[in-house]
C-alpha atoms as a PDB file:
ATOM      1  CA  MET A   1     -15.664 -20.333  25.963  1.00  0.00           C
ATOM      2  CA  SER A   2     -15.199 -20.492  22.204  1.00  0.00           C
ATOM      3  CA  ASP A   3     -11.493 -19.702  22.655  1.00  0.00           C
ATOM      4  CA  LEU A   4     -10.939 -23.007  24.478  1.00  0.00           C
ATOM      5  CA  THR A   5      -9.949 -25.684  21.993  1.00  0.00           C
ATOM      6  CA  PRO A   6     -11.969 -28.901  21.777  1.00  0.00           C
ATOM      7  CA  ASP A   7      -8.944 -30.832  23.085  1.00  0.00           C
ATOM      8  CA  LEU A   8      -8.665 -28.575  26.137  1.00  0.00           C
ATOM      9  CA  LEU A   9     -12.385 -28.858  26.848  1.00  0.00           C
ATOM     10  CA  ALA A  10     -12.167 -32.637  26.447  1.00  0.00           C
ATOM     11  CA  GLY A  11      -9.203 -32.747  28.856  1.00  0.00           C
ATOM     12  CA  ILE A  12     -11.134 -30.801  31.489  1.00  0.00           C
ATOM     13  CA  GLU A  13     -14.161 -33.046  31.015  1.00  0.00           C
ATOM     14  CA  ALA A  14     -11.983 -36.175  31.283  1.00  0.00           C
ATOM     15  CA  ALA A  15     -10.617 -34.978  34.638  1.00  0.00           C
ATOM     16  CA  GLY A  16     -14.197 -35.405  35.847  1.00  0.00           C
ATOM     17  CA  TYR A  17     -14.080 -32.768  38.552  1.00  0.00           C
ATOM     18  CA  HIS A  18     -16.579 -29.892  38.290  1.00  0.00           C
ATOM     19  CA  PRO A  19     -15.735 -29.196  34.631  1.00  0.00           C
ATOM     20  CA  GLU A  20     -18.043 -26.184  34.502  1.00  0.00           C
ATOM     21  CA  ALA A  21     -16.192 -24.382  37.297  1.00  0.00           C
ATOM     22  CA  VAL A  22     -12.775 -25.307  35.906  1.00  0.00           C
ATOM     23  CA  THR A  23     -13.717 -24.266  32.367  1.00  0.00           C
ATOM     24  CA  ASP A  24     -15.186 -20.947  33.508  1.00  0.00           C
ATOM     25  CA  GLY A  25     -12.021 -20.043  35.420  1.00  0.00           C
ATOM     26  CA  VAL A  26      -9.723 -20.920  32.525  1.00  0.00           C
ATOM     27  CA  ALA A  27     -11.898 -19.161  29.939  1.00  0.00           C
ATOM     28  CA  SER A  28     -11.991 -15.973  32.029  1.00  0.00           C
ATOM     29  CA  ALA A  29      -8.188 -15.911  32.332  1.00  0.00           C
ATOM     30  CA  LEU A  30      -7.696 -16.742  28.654  1.00  0.00           C
ATOM     31  CA  ALA A  31      -9.677 -13.665  27.535  1.00  0.00           C
ATOM     32  CA  ASP A  32      -9.411 -13.373  23.734  1.00  0.00           C
ATOM     33  CA  GLU A  33      -6.136 -15.254  23.225  1.00  0.00           C
ATOM     34  CA  SER A  34      -5.781 -18.568  21.426  1.00  0.00           C
ATOM     35  CA  VAL A  35      -4.493 -21.726  23.067  1.00  0.00           C
ATOM     36  CA  LEU A  36      -1.087 -22.910  21.823  1.00  0.00           C
ATOM     37  CA  ASP A  37      -0.686 -25.817  24.236  1.00  0.00           C
ATOM     38  CA  PHE A  38      -2.041 -26.985  27.567  1.00  0.00           C
ATOM     39  CA  LEU A  39      -1.834 -29.453  30.432  1.00  0.00           C
ATOM     40  CA  VAL A  40      -4.661 -30.789  32.608  1.00  0.00           C
ATOM     41  CA  HIS A  41      -3.718 -32.687  35.753  1.00  0.00           C
ATOM     42  CA  HIS A  42      -6.106 -34.220  38.296  1.00  0.00           C
ATOM     43  CA  GLU A  43      -4.556 -35.022  41.670  1.00  0.00           C
ATOM     44  CA  PRO A  44      -6.569 -36.466  44.583  1.00  0.00           C
ATOM     45  CA  THR A  45      -5.213 -35.680  48.045  1.00  0.00           C
ATOM     46  CA  PHE A  46      -5.902 -37.444  51.321  1.00  0.00           C
ATOM     47  CA  ASP A  47      -6.889 -35.446  54.400  1.00  0.00           C
ATOM     48  CA  ARG A  48      -7.319 -37.889  57.281  1.00  0.00           C
ATOM     49  CA  ASP A  49     -10.308 -40.002  56.270  1.00  0.00           C
ATOM     50  CA  GLU A  50     -11.382 -37.708  53.423  1.00  0.00           C
ATOM     51  CA  ILE A  51     -10.323 -37.557  49.783  1.00  0.00           C
ATOM     52  CA  ARG A  52     -10.124 -34.087  48.282  1.00  0.00           C
ATOM     53  CA  ARG A  53      -9.509 -33.439  44.647  1.00  0.00           C
ATOM     54  CA  HIS A  54      -7.315 -30.869  42.973  1.00  0.00           C
ATOM     55  CA  VAL A  55      -7.247 -29.997  39.268  1.00  0.00           C
ATOM     56  CA  THR A  56      -4.455 -28.001  37.676  1.00  0.00           C
ATOM     57  CA  VAL A  57      -4.853 -26.507  34.197  1.00  0.00           C
ATOM     58  CA  VAL A  58      -1.867 -24.864  32.526  1.00  0.00           C
ATOM     59  CA  VAL A  59      -2.407 -23.016  29.255  1.00  0.00           C
ATOM     60  CA  LEU A  60       0.174 -21.481  26.967  1.00  0.00           C
ATOM     61  CA  THR A  61      -0.744 -18.599  24.657  1.00  0.00           C
ATOM     62  CA  ALA A  62       1.411 -16.489  22.377  1.00  0.00           C
ATOM     63  CA  THR A  63       2.089 -13.996  25.169  1.00  0.00           C
ATOM     64  CA  ARG A  64       1.188 -15.580  28.514  1.00  0.00           C
ATOM     65  CA  LEU A  65       1.327 -18.636  30.708  1.00  0.00           C
ATOM     66  CA  LEU A  66      -1.963 -19.270  32.526  1.00  0.00           C
ATOM     67  CA  VAL A  67      -2.047 -21.441  35.632  1.00  0.00           C
ATOM     68  CA  GLY A  68      -5.357 -22.440  37.174  1.00  0.00           C
ATOM     69  CA  HIS A  69      -6.003 -24.449  40.340  1.00  0.00           C
ATOM     70  CA  THR A  70      -9.382 -25.784  41.438  1.00  0.00           C
ATOM     71  CA  ASP A  71      -9.772 -27.362  44.880  1.00  0.00           C
ATOM     72  CA  GLU A  72     -12.698 -28.735  46.799  1.00  0.00           C
ATOM     73  CA  HIS A  73     -13.381 -27.777  50.411  1.00  0.00           C
ATOM     74  CA  PRO A  74     -15.738 -29.136  53.052  1.00  0.00           C
ATOM     75  CA  ALA A  75     -18.382 -26.953  54.657  1.00  0.00           C
ATOM     76  CA  ASP A  76     -16.864 -24.378  56.981  1.00  0.00           C
ATOM     77  CA  ASP A  77     -17.463 -20.910  58.384  1.00  0.00           C
ATOM     78  CA  LEU A  78     -17.239 -19.479  54.862  1.00  0.00           C
ATOM     79  CA  LEU A  79     -19.991 -21.604  53.308  1.00  0.00           C
ATOM     80  CA  PRO A  80     -22.410 -24.038  54.963  1.00  0.00           C
ATOM     81  CA  THR A  81     -22.015 -26.645  52.180  1.00  0.00           C
ATOM     82  CA  PRO A  82     -18.989 -28.173  50.395  1.00  0.00           C
ATOM     83  CA  TYR A  83     -17.639 -25.871  47.686  1.00  0.00           C
ATOM     84  CA  THR A  84     -14.946 -25.467  45.039  1.00  0.00           C
ATOM     85  CA  ALA A  85     -12.376 -22.678  44.843  1.00  0.00           C
ATOM     86  CA  THR A  86     -10.677 -21.769  41.568  1.00  0.00           C
ATOM     87  CA  THR A  87      -7.582 -19.585  41.384  1.00  0.00           C
ATOM     88  CA  THR A  88      -5.993 -18.474  38.113  1.00  0.00           C
ATOM     89  CA  GLU A  89      -2.747 -16.625  37.496  1.00  0.00           C
ATOM     90  CA  ALA A  90      -1.578 -15.103  34.217  1.00  0.00           C
ATOM     91  CA  VAL A  91       2.147 -14.548  33.687  1.00  0.00           C
ATOM     92  CA  GLY A  92       3.739 -12.781  30.734  1.00  0.00           C
ATOM     93  CA  LEU A  93       6.197 -15.039  28.923  1.00  0.00           C
ATOM     94  CA  ASP A  94       8.867 -12.342  29.136  1.00  0.00           C
ATOM     95  CA  ALA A  95       8.607 -12.597  32.945  1.00  0.00           C
ATOM     96  CA  VAL A  96       9.404 -16.326  33.044  1.00  0.00           C
ATOM     97  CA  THR A  97      12.944 -16.720  34.361  1.00  0.00           C
ATOM     98  CA  SER A  98      13.336 -20.492  34.446  1.00  0.00           C
ATOM     99  CA  VAL A  99      11.826 -23.634  32.930  1.00  0.00           C
ATOM    100  CA  LEU A 100      13.218 -26.622  34.806  1.00  0.00           C
ATOM    101  CA  VAL A 101      12.526 -30.174  33.635  1.00  0.00           C
ATOM    102  CA  ASN A 102      13.480 -33.242  35.659  1.00  0.00           C
ATOM    103  CA  ARG A 103      13.204 -36.666  33.995  1.00  0.00           C
ATOM    104  CA  LEU A 104      13.416 -40.029  35.741  1.00  0.00           C
ATOM    105  CA  VAL A 105      14.241 -43.058  33.616  1.00  0.00           C
ATOM    106  CA  ALA A 106      13.847 -46.463  35.239  1.00  0.00           C
ATOM    107  CA  GLN A 107      16.708 -48.924  34.762  1.00  0.00           C
ATOM    108  CA  PRO A 108      18.516 -47.344  31.791  1.00  0.00           C
ATOM    109  CA  GLN A 109      20.421 -49.911  29.778  1.00  0.00           C
ATOM    110  CA  ALA A 110      24.184 -49.757  29.422  1.00  0.00           C
ATOM    111  CA  GLY A 111      23.850 -49.857  25.649  1.00  0.00           C
ATOM    112  CA  ASP A 112      21.481 -46.896  25.463  1.00  0.00           C
ATOM    113  CA  VAL A 113      24.369 -44.547  24.627  1.00  0.00           C
ATOM    114  CA  ARG A 114      26.893 -45.716  22.105  1.00  0.00           C
ATOM    115  CA  PRO A 115      30.031 -43.832  21.000  1.00  0.00           C
ATOM    116  CA  GLY A 116      29.906 -41.920  17.747  1.00  0.00           C
ATOM    117  CA  ARG A 117      32.455 -40.382  15.445  1.00  0.00           C
ATOM    118  CA  ARG A 118      35.130 -37.928  16.586  1.00  0.00           C
ATOM    119  CA  GLY A 119      34.409 -38.539  20.221  1.00  0.00           C
ATOM    120  CA  HIS A 120      30.779 -37.488  20.060  1.00  0.00           C
ATOM    121  CA  GLY A 121      28.143 -39.771  21.550  1.00  0.00           C
ATOM    122  CA  GLN A 122      25.250 -41.053  19.530  1.00  0.00           C
ATOM    123  CA  ARG A 123      22.123 -41.739  21.517  1.00  0.00           C
ATOM    124  CA  GLY A 124      20.360 -44.976  20.751  1.00  0.00           C
ATOM    125  CA  HIS A 125      16.917 -46.051  21.795  1.00  0.00           C
ATOM    126  CA  LEU A 126      16.250 -44.766  25.337  1.00  0.00           C
ATOM    127  CA  THR A 127      13.822 -46.150  27.842  1.00  0.00           C
ATOM    128  CA  ALA A 128      10.786 -43.860  28.101  1.00  0.00           C
ATOM    129  CA  PRO A 129      10.851 -41.631  31.207  1.00  0.00           C
ATOM    130  CA  SER A 130       8.811 -43.087  34.040  1.00  0.00           C
ATOM    131  CA  GLU A 131       8.358 -39.727  35.756  1.00  0.00           C
ATOM    132  CA  ALA A 132       8.798 -36.046  34.934  1.00  0.00           C
ATOM    133  CA  VAL A 133       8.641 -32.821  36.922  1.00  0.00           C
ATOM    134  CA  LEU A 134       8.122 -29.386  35.374  1.00  0.00           C
ATOM    135  CA  THR A 135       9.051 -26.365  37.480  1.00  0.00           C
ATOM    136  CA  VAL A 136       8.448 -22.846  36.170  1.00  0.00           C
ATOM    137  CA  SER A 137       9.680 -19.715  37.928  1.00  0.00           C
ATOM    138  CA  TRP A 138       8.846 -16.066  37.394  1.00  0.00           C
ATOM    139  CA  GLY A 139      10.002 -14.510  40.669  1.00  0.00           C
ATOM    140  CA  ALA A 140       6.733 -14.345  42.579  1.00  0.00           C
ATOM    141  CA  VAL A 141       7.604 -17.074  45.116  1.00  0.00           C
ATOM    142  CA  ARG A 142      11.029 -17.769  46.599  1.00  0.00           C
ATOM    143  CA  HIS A 143      12.083 -20.331  49.193  1.00  0.00           C
ATOM    144  CA  VAL A 144      14.976 -19.895  51.611  1.00  0.00           C
ATOM    145  CA  ASP A 145      16.640 -23.018  53.045  1.00  0.00           C
ATOM    146  CA  LEU A 146      18.901 -22.244  56.011  1.00  0.00           C
ATOM    147  CA  GLU A 147      21.313 -24.423  57.959  1.00  0.00           C
ATOM    148  CA  PRO A 148      24.099 -23.720  60.474  1.00  0.00           C
ATOM    149  CA  ALA A 149      27.335 -22.743  58.750  1.00  0.00           C
ATOM    150  CA  SER A 150      30.563 -24.580  59.523  1.00  0.00           C
ATOM    151  CA  CYS A 151      34.235 -24.391  58.682  1.00  0.00           C
ATOM    152  CA  ALA A 152      36.855 -26.952  57.641  1.00  0.00           C
ATOM    153  CA  ASP A 153      38.279 -27.289  61.168  1.00  0.00           C
ATOM    154  CA  PRO A 154      36.553 -30.299  62.838  1.00  0.00           C
ATOM    155  CA  ASP A 155      37.538 -28.983  66.309  1.00  0.00           C
ATOM    156  CA  CYS A 156      36.184 -25.470  65.756  1.00  0.00           C
ATOM    157  CA  GLU A 157      33.416 -24.501  68.179  1.00  0.00           C
ATOM    158  CA  ALA A 158      32.886 -20.949  66.918  1.00  0.00           C
ATOM    159  CA  ASP A 159      29.486 -19.749  65.799  1.00  0.00           C
ATOM    160  CA  HIS A 160      29.668 -19.235  62.048  1.00  0.00           C
ATOM    161  CA  GLY A 161      26.069 -18.123  61.687  1.00  0.00           C
ATOM    162  CA  TYR A 162      23.908 -19.607  58.998  1.00  0.00           C
ATOM    163  CA  THR A 163      24.223 -20.427  55.348  1.00  0.00           C
ATOM    164  CA  GLY A 164      21.453 -21.134  52.927  1.00  0.00           C
ATOM    165  CA  SER A 165      20.131 -21.126  49.416  1.00  0.00           C
ATOM    166  CA  LEU A 166      17.437 -19.068  47.722  1.00  0.00           C
ATOM    167  CA  THR A 167      15.388 -20.893  45.119  1.00  0.00           C
ATOM    168  CA  ALA A 168      12.474 -19.799  42.959  1.00  0.00           C
ATOM    169  CA  ASP A 169       9.528 -22.172  42.713  1.00  0.00           C
ATOM    170  CA  ASP A 170       6.378 -20.488  41.463  1.00  0.00           C
ATOM    171  CA  PHE A 171       4.830 -23.554  39.868  1.00  0.00           C
ATOM    172  CA  SER A 172       5.700 -27.237  39.883  1.00  0.00           C
ATOM    173  CA  LEU A 173       3.878 -30.214  38.371  1.00  0.00           C
ATOM    174  CA  ARG A 174       4.875 -33.871  38.685  1.00  0.00           C
ATOM    175  CA  VAL A 175       3.460 -36.734  36.665  1.00  0.00           C
ATOM    176  CA  SER A 176       4.403 -40.405  36.649  1.00  0.00           C
ATOM    177  CA  ALA A 177       3.694 -43.271  34.305  1.00  0.00           C
ATOM    178  CA  THR A 178       2.475 -45.381  37.229  1.00  0.00           C
ATOM    179  CA  ALA A 179      -0.101 -42.897  38.529  1.00  0.00           C
ATOM    180  CA  ASP A 180      -0.978 -40.916  35.402  1.00  0.00           C
ATOM    181  CA  GLY A 181       0.060 -43.091  32.458  1.00  0.00           C
ATOM    182  CA  GLY A 182       2.930 -42.879  30.026  1.00  0.00           C
ATOM    183  CA  ASP A 183       1.002 -40.505  27.761  1.00  0.00           C
ATOM    184  CA  ALA A 184       0.794 -37.952  30.597  1.00  0.00           C
ATOM    185  CA  VAL A 185       4.573 -38.006  31.012  1.00  0.00           C
ATOM    186  CA  GLU A 186       5.144 -37.490  27.289  1.00  0.00           C
ATOM    187  CA  ARG A 187       2.555 -34.705  27.222  1.00  0.00           C
ATOM    188  CA  LEU A 188       4.244 -32.856  30.079  1.00  0.00           C
ATOM    189  CA  LEU A 189       7.620 -33.136  28.344  1.00  0.00           C
ATOM    190  CA  GLY A 190       6.091 -31.913  25.099  1.00  0.00           C
ATOM    191  CA  PHE A 191       4.502 -28.947  26.872  1.00  0.00           C
ATOM    192  CA  ALA A 192       7.850 -28.131  28.484  1.00  0.00           C
ATOM    193  CA  ARG A 193       9.513 -28.027  25.049  1.00  0.00           C
ATOM    194  CA  THR A 194       6.817 -25.738  23.664  1.00  0.00           C
ATOM    195  CA  LEU A 195       7.051 -23.468  26.715  1.00  0.00           C
ATOM    196  CA  SER A 196      10.848 -23.262  26.447  1.00  0.00           C
ATOM    197  CA  GLN A 197      10.572 -22.278  22.792  1.00  0.00           C
ATOM    198  CA  ALA A 198       7.947 -19.634  23.588  1.00  0.00           C
ATOM    199  CA  THR A 199       9.977 -18.098  26.412  1.00  0.00           C
ATOM    200  CA  ALA A 200      13.084 -18.041  24.203  1.00  0.00           C
ATOM    201  CA  ARG A 201      11.182 -16.070  21.557  1.00  0.00           C
ATOM    202  CA  ALA A 202       9.776 -13.711  24.205  1.00  0.00           C
ATOM    203  CA  THR A 203      13.273 -13.093  25.590  1.00  0.00           C
ATOM    204  CA  ALA A 204      14.643 -12.391  22.112  1.00  0.00           C
ATOM    205  CA  ARG A 205      11.976  -9.714  21.544  1.00  0.00           C
ATOM    206  CA  THR A 206      12.878  -7.812  24.738  1.00  0.00           C
END
């Protein structure tokens, strides 16, 4: 566990959910690499009258992106007592195909963008994002959305089959200032910048 930085260990401890199990899973996936950046996100979920917790830890190294999920489960046929399950995935940075960042800014002011010289805009002081979503794809999971196809003729009754879109969505993490605090939003955006830089360097080497 010496390869986990004090900040990462403190983040896992602050999440307050079985830090030993979470730390062990992340340390095993990290192997001998050093941590460049990380995210820790604790998300409670509601299942009828029960609250179950979920912790996501994302770690960036010089060569890989590590994604770890730890969930809690009630007693079932697998184990007679409640238990945690930790899953980790390691992805080479050269395999990452997309880093998508979605920012939501509440009530942007009309004066936030002011015109600059030669037709170029100069950005003034912007309202801090109130929510951000990071989606990373590497081709392991794809979603197909289908819907009946149609043509431009409103009176056409022919069967045109189906049309759809194929999207990659291997990992997605959403944080909001309301639920997680403004610092969490800024941290996710900072991690996204570091990840984009790392994947750009990995692509340039291949």
